[in-house]
Every structure is written in structure tokens, then in C-alpha cells.
Amino acid sequence: MIFSDSELQKPVEISLEKVRPFLIKDRGDLKLIKIEKGCVYIKLEGACKGCPSSTVTLKNRIQRQLQIDIHPDIQVVKVEED
């Protein structure tokens, strides 16, 4: 990854805001936990956290948006409940 984790913070936040309305429409949301070594750690909230389609949403919606907006190698990791 050609960006540092701190350089990715703001672009990731902006990109996630593009996805958030899609999640809220289905009574869900997301929380950015951290960015580490080019991986974006996301916690799904609301209806999304228990949804059987959450992995598809994570890869096909959230990760894809980040790859379009920032870099094709960026990865998203789902953080489970504490």
C-alpha cells in the first residue's frame, strides 16, 4: 500500500459515508474501528450485525467502494462483537 494508515483515515471516512445511507436504509450502520497496514477494520451495527448477507455487504458494497475511491488493494476486515 502506498499510503500510510494515517493518510488513509480521512479518505476512508469519506468513502464510508457514501455507503452509510445504503446500510441505514436497511436499519443498519457501520463503525470504523481502525486502519492498519492498508486494512480497514469495520464493525457492522444494527440490523447489519446479525444479517446473513453481512459478508456480501462487506465485500461487495463497503470494500468495493473503498477500492474505487482509494486503491484497488485496500481490504476490509469485519470486526465481530467484543
PDB file of N, CA and C in Angstrom:
ATOM      1  N   MET A   1       0.857  -1.172   0.000  1.00  0.00           N
ATOM      2  CA  MET A   1       0.000   0.000   0.000  1.00  0.00           C
ATOM      3  C   MET A   1       0.902   1.234   0.000  1.00  0.00           C
ATOM      4  N   ILE A   2       0.574   2.169  -0.848  1.00  0.00           N
ATOM      5  CA  ILE A   2       1.421   3.349  -0.996  1.00  0.00           C
ATOM      6  C   ILE A   2       1.065   4.472  -0.033  1.00  0.00           C
ATOM      7  N   PHE A   3       0.046   4.273   0.796  1.00  0.00           N
ATOM      8  CA  PHE A   3      -0.379   5.282   1.758  1.00  0.00           C
ATOM      9  C   PHE A   3      -0.130   4.784   3.172  1.00  0.00           C
ATOM     10  N   SER A   4       0.164   5.702   4.071  1.00  0.00           N
ATOM     11  CA  SER A   4       0.273   5.321   5.475  1.00  0.00           C
ATOM     12  C   SER A   4      -1.138   5.199   6.058  1.00  0.00           C
ATOM     13  N   ASP A   5      -1.247   4.534   7.179  1.00  0.00           N
ATOM     14  CA  ASP A   5      -2.549   4.374   7.816  1.00  0.00           C
ATOM     15  C   ASP A   5      -3.169   5.725   8.159  1.00  0.00           C
ATOM     16  N   SER A   6      -2.358   6.657   8.624  1.00  0.00           N
ATOM     17  CA  SER A   6      -2.882   7.971   8.971  1.00  0.00           C
ATOM     18  C   SER A   6      -3.335   8.749   7.732  1.00  0.00           C
ATOM     19  N   GLU A   7      -2.657   8.560   6.611  1.00  0.00           N
ATOM     20  CA  GLU A   7      -3.076   9.213   5.365  1.00  0.00           C
ATOM     21  C   GLU A   7      -4.395   8.644   4.849  1.00  0.00           C
ATOM     22  N   LEU A   8      -4.688   7.415   5.180  1.00  0.00           N
ATOM     23  CA  LEU A   8      -5.924   6.766   4.727  1.00  0.00           C
ATOM     24  C   LEU A   8      -7.148   7.168   5.546  1.00  0.00           C
ATOM     25  N   GLN A   9      -6.945   7.659   6.741  1.00  0.00           N
ATOM     26  CA  GLN A   9      -8.053   7.926   7.664  1.00  0.00           C
ATOM     27  C   GLN A   9      -9.170   8.764   7.036  1.00  0.00           C
ATOM     28  N   LYS A  10      -8.860   9.945   6.575  1.00  0.00           N
ATOM     29  CA  LYS A  10      -9.890  10.843   6.039  1.00  0.00           C
ATOM     30  C   LYS A  10     -10.525  10.298   4.753  1.00  0.00           C
ATOM     31  N   PRO A  11      -9.730   9.824   3.775  1.00  0.00           N
ATOM     32  CA  PRO A  11     -10.361   9.250   2.580  1.00  0.00           C
ATOM     33  C   PRO A  11     -11.274   8.058   2.886  1.00  0.00           C
ATOM     34  N   VAL A  12     -10.891   7.235   3.850  1.00  0.00           N
ATOM     35  CA  VAL A  12     -11.722   6.094   4.230  1.00  0.00           C
ATOM     36  C   VAL A  12     -13.039   6.590   4.829  1.00  0.00           C
ATOM     37  N   GLU A  13     -12.954   7.576   5.713  1.00  0.00           N
ATOM     38  CA  GLU A  13     -14.165   8.123   6.325  1.00  0.00           C
ATOM     39  C   GLU A  13     -15.106   8.686   5.258  1.00  0.00           C
ATOM     40  N   ILE A  14     -14.566   9.403   4.292  1.00  0.00           N
ATOM     41  CA  ILE A  14     -15.374   9.982   3.218  1.00  0.00           C
ATOM     42  C   ILE A  14     -16.024   8.876   2.382  1.00  0.00           C
ATOM     43  N   SER A  15     -15.270   7.858   2.062  1.00  0.00           N
ATOM     44  CA  SER A  15     -15.787   6.747   1.265  1.00  0.00           C
ATOM     45  C   SER A  15     -16.877   5.985   2.020  1.00  0.00           C
ATOM     46  N   LEU A  16     -16.683   5.778   3.305  1.00  0.00           N
ATOM     47  CA  LEU A  16     -17.683   5.059   4.103  1.00  0.00           C
ATOM     48  C   LEU A  16     -18.996   5.831   4.183  1.00  0.00           C
ATOM     49  N   GLU A  17     -18.916   7.146   4.150  1.00  0.00           N
ATOM     50  CA  GLU A  17     -20.135   7.960   4.175  1.00  0.00           C
ATOM     51  C   GLU A  17     -20.974   7.738   2.921  1.00  0.00           C
ATOM     52  N   LYS A  18     -20.364   7.327   1.839  1.00  0.00           N
ATOM     53  CA  LYS A  18     -21.107   7.017   0.612  1.00  0.00           C
ATOM     54  C   LYS A  18     -21.910   5.726   0.763  1.00  0.00           C
ATOM     55  N   VAL A  19     -21.415   4.810   1.587  1.00  0.00           N
ATOM     56  CA  VAL A  19     -22.057   3.515   1.792  1.00  0.00           C
ATOM     57  C   VAL A  19     -23.112   3.572   2.896  1.00  0.00           C
ATOM     58  N   ARG A  20     -22.893   4.444   3.851  1.00  0.00           N
ATOM     59  CA  ARG A  20     -23.754   4.507   5.048  1.00  0.00           C
ATOM     60  C   ARG A  20     -25.253   4.602   4.721  1.00  0.00           C
ATOM     61  N   PRO A  21     -25.708   5.430   3.782  1.00  0.00           N
ATOM     62  CA  PRO A  21     -27.158   5.502   3.507  1.00  0.00           C
ATOM     63  C   PRO A  21     -27.756   4.159   3.078  1.00  0.00           C
ATOM     64  N   PHE A  22     -27.009   3.377   2.343  1.00  0.00           N
ATOM     65  CA  PHE A  22     -27.454   2.041   1.941  1.00  0.00           C
ATOM     66  C   PHE A  22     -27.698   1.169   3.178  1.00  0.00           C
ATOM     67  N   LEU A  23     -26.810   1.243   4.150  1.00  0.00           N
ATOM     68  CA  LEU A  23     -26.945   0.443   5.368  1.00  0.00           C
ATOM     69  C   LEU A  23     -28.086   0.948   6.247  1.00  0.00           C
ATOM     70  N   ILE A  24     -28.178   2.266   6.389  1.00  0.00           N
ATOM     71  CA  ILE A  24     -29.214   2.859   7.231  1.00  0.00           C
ATOM     72  C   ILE A  24     -30.605   2.541   6.679  1.00  0.00           C
ATOM     73  N   LYS A  25     -30.719   2.507   5.361  1.00  0.00           N
ATOM     74  CA  LYS A  25     -31.998   2.173   4.723  1.00  0.00           C
ATOM     75  C   LYS A  25     -32.505   0.808   5.193  1.00  0.00           C
ATOM     76  N   ASP A  26     -31.587  -0.093   5.475  1.00  0.00           N
ATOM     77  CA  ASP A  26     -31.941  -1.434   5.952  1.00  0.00           C
ATOM     78  C   ASP A  26     -31.797  -1.559   7.470  1.00  0.00           C
ATOM     79  N   ARG A  27     -31.833  -0.421   8.170  1.00  0.00           N
ATOM     80  CA  ARG A  27     -31.743  -0.345   9.640  1.00  0.00           C
ATOM     81  C   ARG A  27     -30.409  -0.836  10.183  1.00  0.00           C
ATOM     82  N   GLY A  28     -29.367  -0.627   9.432  1.00  0.00           N
ATOM     83  CA  GLY A  28     -28.033  -0.998   9.876  1.00  0.00           C
ATOM     84  C   GLY A  28     -27.111   0.207   9.868  1.00  0.00           C
ATOM     85  N   ASP A  29     -25.876  -0.026  10.181  1.00  0.00           N
ATOM     86  CA  ASP A  29     -24.858   1.021  10.156  1.00  0.00           C
ATOM     87  C   ASP A  29     -23.501   0.340  10.262  1.00  0.00           C
ATOM     88  N   LEU A  30     -22.467   1.156  10.267  1.00  0.00           N
ATOM     89  CA  LEU A  30     -21.113   0.638  10.434  1.00  0.00           C
ATOM     90  C   LEU A  30     -20.314   1.576  11.314  1.00  0.00           C
ATOM     91  N   LYS A  31     -19.276   1.034  11.876  1.00  0.00           N
ATOM     92  CA  LYS A  31     -18.369   1.821  12.706  1.00  0.00           C
ATOM     93  C   LYS A  31     -16.949   1.491  12.259  1.00  0.00           C
ATOM     94  N   LEU A  32     -16.180   2.520  11.954  1.00  0.00           N
ATOM     95  CA  LEU A  32     -14.770   2.344  11.615  1.00  0.00           C
ATOM     96  C   LEU A  32     -14.002   2.114  12.912  1.00  0.00           C
ATOM     97  N   ILE A  33     -13.372   0.965  13.023  1.00  0.00           N
ATOM     98  CA  ILE A  33     -12.623   0.633  14.237  1.00  0.00           C
ATOM     99  C   ILE A  33     -11.183   1.116  14.130  1.00  0.00           C
ATOM    100  N   LYS A  34     -10.512   0.741  13.031  1.00  0.00           N
ATOM    101  CA  LYS A  34      -9.128   1.168  12.842  1.00  0.00           C
ATOM    102  C   LYS A  34      -8.708   0.885  11.410  1.00  0.00           C
ATOM    103  N   ILE A  35      -7.587   1.485  11.061  1.00  0.00           N
ATOM    104  CA  ILE A  35      -6.933   1.198   9.787  1.00  0.00           C
ATOM    105  C   ILE A  35      -5.521   0.763  10.140  1.00  0.00           C
ATOM    106  N   GLU A  36      -5.151  -0.421   9.654  1.00  0.00           N
ATOM    107  CA  GLU A  36      -3.836  -0.966   9.989  1.00  0.00           C
ATOM    108  C   GLU A  36      -3.266  -1.705   8.786  1.00  0.00           C
ATOM    109  N   LYS A  37      -2.115  -1.258   8.332  1.00  0.00           N
ATOM    110  CA  LYS A  37      -1.415  -1.890   7.204  1.00  0.00           C
ATOM    111  C   LYS A  37      -2.297  -2.029   5.969  1.00  0.00           C
ATOM    112  N   GLY A  38      -3.062  -0.984   5.687  1.00  0.00           N
ATOM    113  CA  GLY A  38      -3.902  -0.988   4.499  1.00  0.00           C
ATOM    114  C   GLY A  38      -5.198  -1.760   4.627  1.00  0.00           C
ATOM    115  N   CYS A  39      -5.482  -2.274   5.815  1.00  0.00           N
ATOM    116  CA  CYS A  39      -6.745  -2.968   6.066  1.00  0.00           C
ATOM    117  C   CYS A  39      -7.650  -2.061   6.897  1.00  0.00           C
ATOM    118  N   VAL A  40      -8.897  -1.992   6.493  1.00  0.00           N
ATOM    119  CA  VAL A  40      -9.884  -1.179   7.184  1.00  0.00           C
ATOM    120  C   VAL A  40     -10.747  -2.111   8.025  1.00  0.00           C
ATOM    121  N   TYR A  41     -10.728  -1.912   9.328  1.00  0.00           N
ATOM    122  CA  TYR A  41     -11.474  -2.757  10.253  1.00  0.00           C
ATOM    123  C   TYR A  41     -12.814  -2.089  10.557  1.00  0.00           C
ATOM    124  N   ILE A  42     -13.895  -2.795  10.230  1.00  0.00           N
ATOM    125  CA  ILE A  42     -15.251  -2.280  10.319  1.00  0.00           C
ATOM    126  C   ILE A  42     -16.074  -3.157  11.245  1.00  0.00           C
ATOM    127  N   LYS A  43     -16.881  -2.522  12.061  1.00  0.00           N
ATOM    128  CA  LYS A  43     -17.861  -3.242  12.874  1.00  0.00           C
ATOM    129  C   LYS A  43     -19.235  -2.886  12.329  1.00  0.00           C
ATOM    130  N   LEU A  44     -19.998  -3.884  11.929  1.00  0.00           N
ATOM    131  CA  LEU A  44     -21.354  -3.667  11.457  1.00  0.00           C
ATOM    132  C   LEU A  44     -22.277  -3.557  12.661  1.00  0.00           C
ATOM    133  N   GLU A  45     -23.237  -2.635  12.568  1.00  0.00           N
ATOM    134  CA  GLU A  45     -24.130  -2.375  13.693  1.00  0.00           C
ATOM    135  C   GLU A  45     -25.583  -2.468  13.248  1.00  0.00           C
ATOM    136  N   GLY A  46     -26.468  -2.451  14.219  1.00  0.00           N
ATOM    137  CA  GLY A  46     -27.894  -2.509  13.932  1.00  0.00           C
ATOM    138  C   GLY A  46     -28.260  -3.824  13.264  1.00  0.00           C
ATOM    139  N   ALA A  47     -29.173  -3.748  12.315  1.00  0.00           N
ATOM    140  CA  ALA A  47     -29.640  -4.957  11.625  1.00  0.00           C
ATOM    141  C   ALA A  47     -28.529  -5.642  10.848  1.00  0.00           C
ATOM    142  N   CYS A  48     -27.482  -4.896  10.495  1.00  0.00           N
ATOM    143  CA  CYS A  48     -26.384  -5.475   9.702  1.00  0.00           C
ATOM    144  C   CYS A  48     -25.554  -6.488  10.480  1.00  0.00           C
ATOM    145  N   LYS A  49     -25.422  -6.306  11.790  1.00  0.00           N
ATOM    146  CA  LYS A  49     -24.504  -7.171  12.530  1.00  0.00           C
ATOM    147  C   LYS A  49     -24.938  -8.618  12.585  1.00  0.00           C
ATOM    148  N   GLY A  50     -26.227  -8.879  12.516  1.00  0.00           N
ATOM    149  CA  GLY A  50     -26.676 -10.264  12.549  1.00  0.00           C
ATOM    150  C   GLY A  50     -27.197 -10.762  11.217  1.00  0.00           C
ATOM    151  N   CYS A  51     -27.078  -9.949  10.216  1.00  0.00           N
ATOM    152  CA  CYS A  51     -27.639 -10.287   8.909  1.00  0.00           C
ATOM    153  C   CYS A  51     -26.822 -11.373   8.221  1.00  0.00           C
ATOM    154  N   PRO A  52     -27.489 -12.379   7.642  1.00  0.00           N
ATOM    155  CA  PRO A  52     -26.768 -13.424   6.920  1.00  0.00           C
ATOM    156  C   PRO A  52     -26.035 -12.897   5.680  1.00  0.00           C
ATOM    157  N   SER A  53     -26.447 -11.749   5.178  1.00  0.00           N
ATOM    158  CA  SER A  53     -25.805 -11.166   3.995  1.00  0.00           C
ATOM    159  C   SER A  53     -24.694 -10.178   4.354  1.00  0.00           C
ATOM    160  N   SER A  54     -24.317 -10.103   5.612  1.00  0.00           N
ATOM    161  CA  SER A  54     -23.342  -9.101   6.041  1.00  0.00           C
ATOM    162  C   SER A  54     -21.976  -9.271   5.365  1.00  0.00           C
ATOM    163  N   THR A  55     -21.553 -10.491   5.102  1.00  0.00           N
ATOM    164  CA  THR A  55     -20.271 -10.713   4.432  1.00  0.00           C
ATOM    165  C   THR A  55     -20.329 -10.209   2.999  1.00  0.00           C
ATOM    166  N   VAL A  56     -21.451 -10.421   2.344  1.00  0.00           N
ATOM    167  CA  VAL A  56     -21.628  -9.926   0.980  1.00  0.00           C
ATOM    168  C   VAL A  56     -21.630  -8.400   0.977  1.00  0.00           C
ATOM    169  N   THR A  57     -22.331  -7.811   1.934  1.00  0.00           N
ATOM    170  CA  THR A  57     -22.360  -6.350   2.054  1.00  0.00           C
ATOM    171  C   THR A  57     -20.959  -5.814   2.291  1.00  0.00           C
ATOM    172  N   LEU A  58     -20.226  -6.475   3.158  1.00  0.00           N
ATOM    173  CA  LEU A  58     -18.883  -6.039   3.491  1.00  0.00           C
ATOM    174  C   LEU A  58     -17.975  -6.036   2.262  1.00  0.00           C
ATOM    175  N   LYS A  59     -17.997  -7.090   1.496  1.00  0.00           N
ATOM    176  CA  LYS A  59     -17.101  -7.215   0.337  1.00  0.00           C
ATOM    177  C   LYS A  59     -17.620  -6.491  -0.902  1.00  0.00           C
ATOM    178  N   ASN A  60     -18.898  -6.683  -1.215  1.00  0.00           N
ATOM    179  CA  ASN A  60     -19.433  -6.148  -2.463  1.00  0.00           C
ATOM    180  C   ASN A  60     -19.843  -4.685  -2.389  1.00  0.00           C
ATOM    181  N   ARG A  61     -20.108  -4.186  -1.213  1.00  0.00           N
ATOM    182  CA  ARG A  61     -20.542  -2.797  -1.101  1.00  0.00           C
ATOM    183  C   ARG A  61     -19.453  -1.938  -0.450  1.00  0.00           C
ATOM    184  N   ILE A  62     -19.041  -2.303   0.752  1.00  0.00           N
ATOM    185  CA  ILE A  62     -18.104  -1.465   1.508  1.00  0.00           C
ATOM    186  C   ILE A  62     -16.702  -1.546   0.912  1.00  0.00           C
ATOM    187  N   GLN A  63     -16.154  -2.750   0.786  1.00  0.00           N
ATOM    188  CA  GLN A  63     -14.799  -2.890   0.253  1.00  0.00           C
ATOM    189  C   GLN A  63     -14.708  -2.374  -1.178  1.00  0.00           C
ATOM    190  N   ARG A  64     -15.699  -2.679  -1.970  1.00  0.00           N
ATOM    191  CA  ARG A  64     -15.689  -2.236  -3.375  1.00  0.00           C
ATOM    192  C   ARG A  64     -15.664  -0.715  -3.463  1.00  0.00           C
ATOM    193  N   GLN A  65     -16.454  -0.036  -2.614  1.00  0.00           N
ATOM    194  CA  GLN A  65     -16.466   1.432  -2.627  1.00  0.00           C
ATOM    195  C   GLN A  65     -15.102   1.987  -2.238  1.00  0.00           C
ATOM    196  N   LEU A  66     -14.475   1.398  -1.235  1.00  0.00           N
ATOM    197  CA  LEU A  66     -13.137   1.837  -0.816  1.00  0.00           C
ATOM    198  C   LEU A  66     -12.124   1.611  -1.937  1.00  0.00           C
ATOM    199  N   GLN A  67     -12.233   0.500  -2.626  1.00  0.00           N
ATOM    200  CA  GLN A  67     -11.305   0.212  -3.724  1.00  0.00           C
ATOM    201  C   GLN A  67     -11.503   1.175  -4.884  1.00  0.00           C
ATOM    202  N   ILE A  68     -12.726   1.545  -5.165  1.00  0.00           N
ATOM    203  CA  ILE A  68     -12.998   2.520  -6.226  1.00  0.00           C
ATOM    204  C   ILE A  68     -12.466   3.894  -5.836  1.00  0.00           C
ATOM    205  N   ASP A  69     -12.737   4.297  -4.610  1.00  0.00           N
ATOM    206  CA  ASP A  69     -12.397   5.647  -4.161  1.00  0.00           C
ATOM    207  C   ASP A  69     -10.927   5.832  -3.798  1.00  0.00           C
ATOM    208  N   ILE A  70     -10.271   4.780  -3.301  1.00  0.00           N
ATOM    209  CA  ILE A  70      -8.937   4.954  -2.722  1.00  0.00           C
ATOM    210  C   ILE A  70      -7.865   4.157  -3.447  1.00  0.00           C
ATOM    211  N   HIS A  71      -7.979   2.829  -3.412  1.00  0.00           N
ATOM    212  CA  HIS A  71      -6.937   1.990  -4.015  1.00  0.00           C
ATOM    213  C   HIS A  71      -7.478   0.576  -4.198  1.00  0.00           C
ATOM    214  N   PRO A  72      -7.191  -0.071  -5.311  1.00  0.00           N
ATOM    215  CA  PRO A  72      -7.738  -1.408  -5.575  1.00  0.00           C
ATOM    216  C   PRO A  72      -7.240  -2.504  -4.624  1.00  0.00           C
ATOM    217  N   ASP A  73      -6.177  -2.258  -3.886  1.00  0.00           N
ATOM    218  CA  ASP A  73      -5.654  -3.287  -2.980  1.00  0.00           C
ATOM    219  C   ASP A  73      -6.171  -3.156  -1.554  1.00  0.00           C
ATOM    220  N   ILE A  74      -6.957  -2.137  -1.268  1.00  0.00           N
ATOM    221  CA  ILE A  74      -7.433  -1.949   0.107  1.00  0.00           C
ATOM    222  C   ILE A  74      -8.377  -3.095   0.471  1.00  0.00           C
ATOM    223  N   GLN A  75      -8.285  -3.559   1.693  1.00  0.00           N
ATOM    224  CA  GLN A  75      -9.092  -4.690   2.173  1.00  0.00           C
ATOM    225  C   GLN A  75      -9.922  -4.252   3.376  1.00  0.00           C
ATOM    226  N   VAL A  76     -11.067  -4.897   3.551  1.00  0.00           N
ATOM    227  CA  VAL A  76     -11.930  -4.632   4.695  1.00  0.00           C
ATOM    228  C   VAL A  76     -11.997  -5.902   5.542  1.00  0.00           C
ATOM    229  N   VAL A  77     -11.894  -5.721   6.843  1.00  0.00           N
ATOM    230  CA  VAL A  77     -11.973  -6.825   7.796  1.00  0.00           C
ATOM    231  C   VAL A  77     -13.153  -6.555   8.722  1.00  0.00           C
ATOM    232  N   LYS A  78     -14.019  -7.537   8.861  1.00  0.00           N
ATOM    233  CA  LYS A  78     -15.168  -7.420   9.745  1.00  0.00           C
ATOM    234  C   LYS A  78     -14.751  -7.718  11.169  1.00  0.00           C
ATOM    235  N   VAL A  79     -15.051  -6.806  12.071  1.00  0.00           N
ATOM    236  CA  VAL A  79     -14.762  -6.984  13.478  1.00  0.00           C
ATOM    237  C   VAL A  79     -16.037  -7.514  14.138  1.00  0.00           C
ATOM    238  N   GLU A  80     -15.908  -8.632  14.805  1.00  0.00           N
ATOM    239  CA  GLU A  80     -17.055  -9.240  15.476  1.00  0.00           C
ATOM    240  C   GLU A  80     -17.296  -8.551  16.804  1.00  0.00           C
ATOM    241  N   GLU A  81     -18.398  -8.902  17.424  1.00  0.00           N
ATOM    242  CA  GLU A  81     -18.733  -8.363  18.735  1.00  0.00           C
ATOM    243  C   GLU A  81     -17.630  -8.641  19.743  1.00  0.00           C
ATOM    244  N   ASP A  82     -17.516  -7.745  20.721  1.00  0.00           N
ATOM    245  CA  ASP A  82     -16.489  -7.889  21.766  1.00  0.00           C
ATOM    246  C   ASP A  82     -16.742  -9.106  22.624  1.00  0.00           C
TER     247      ASP A  82
END
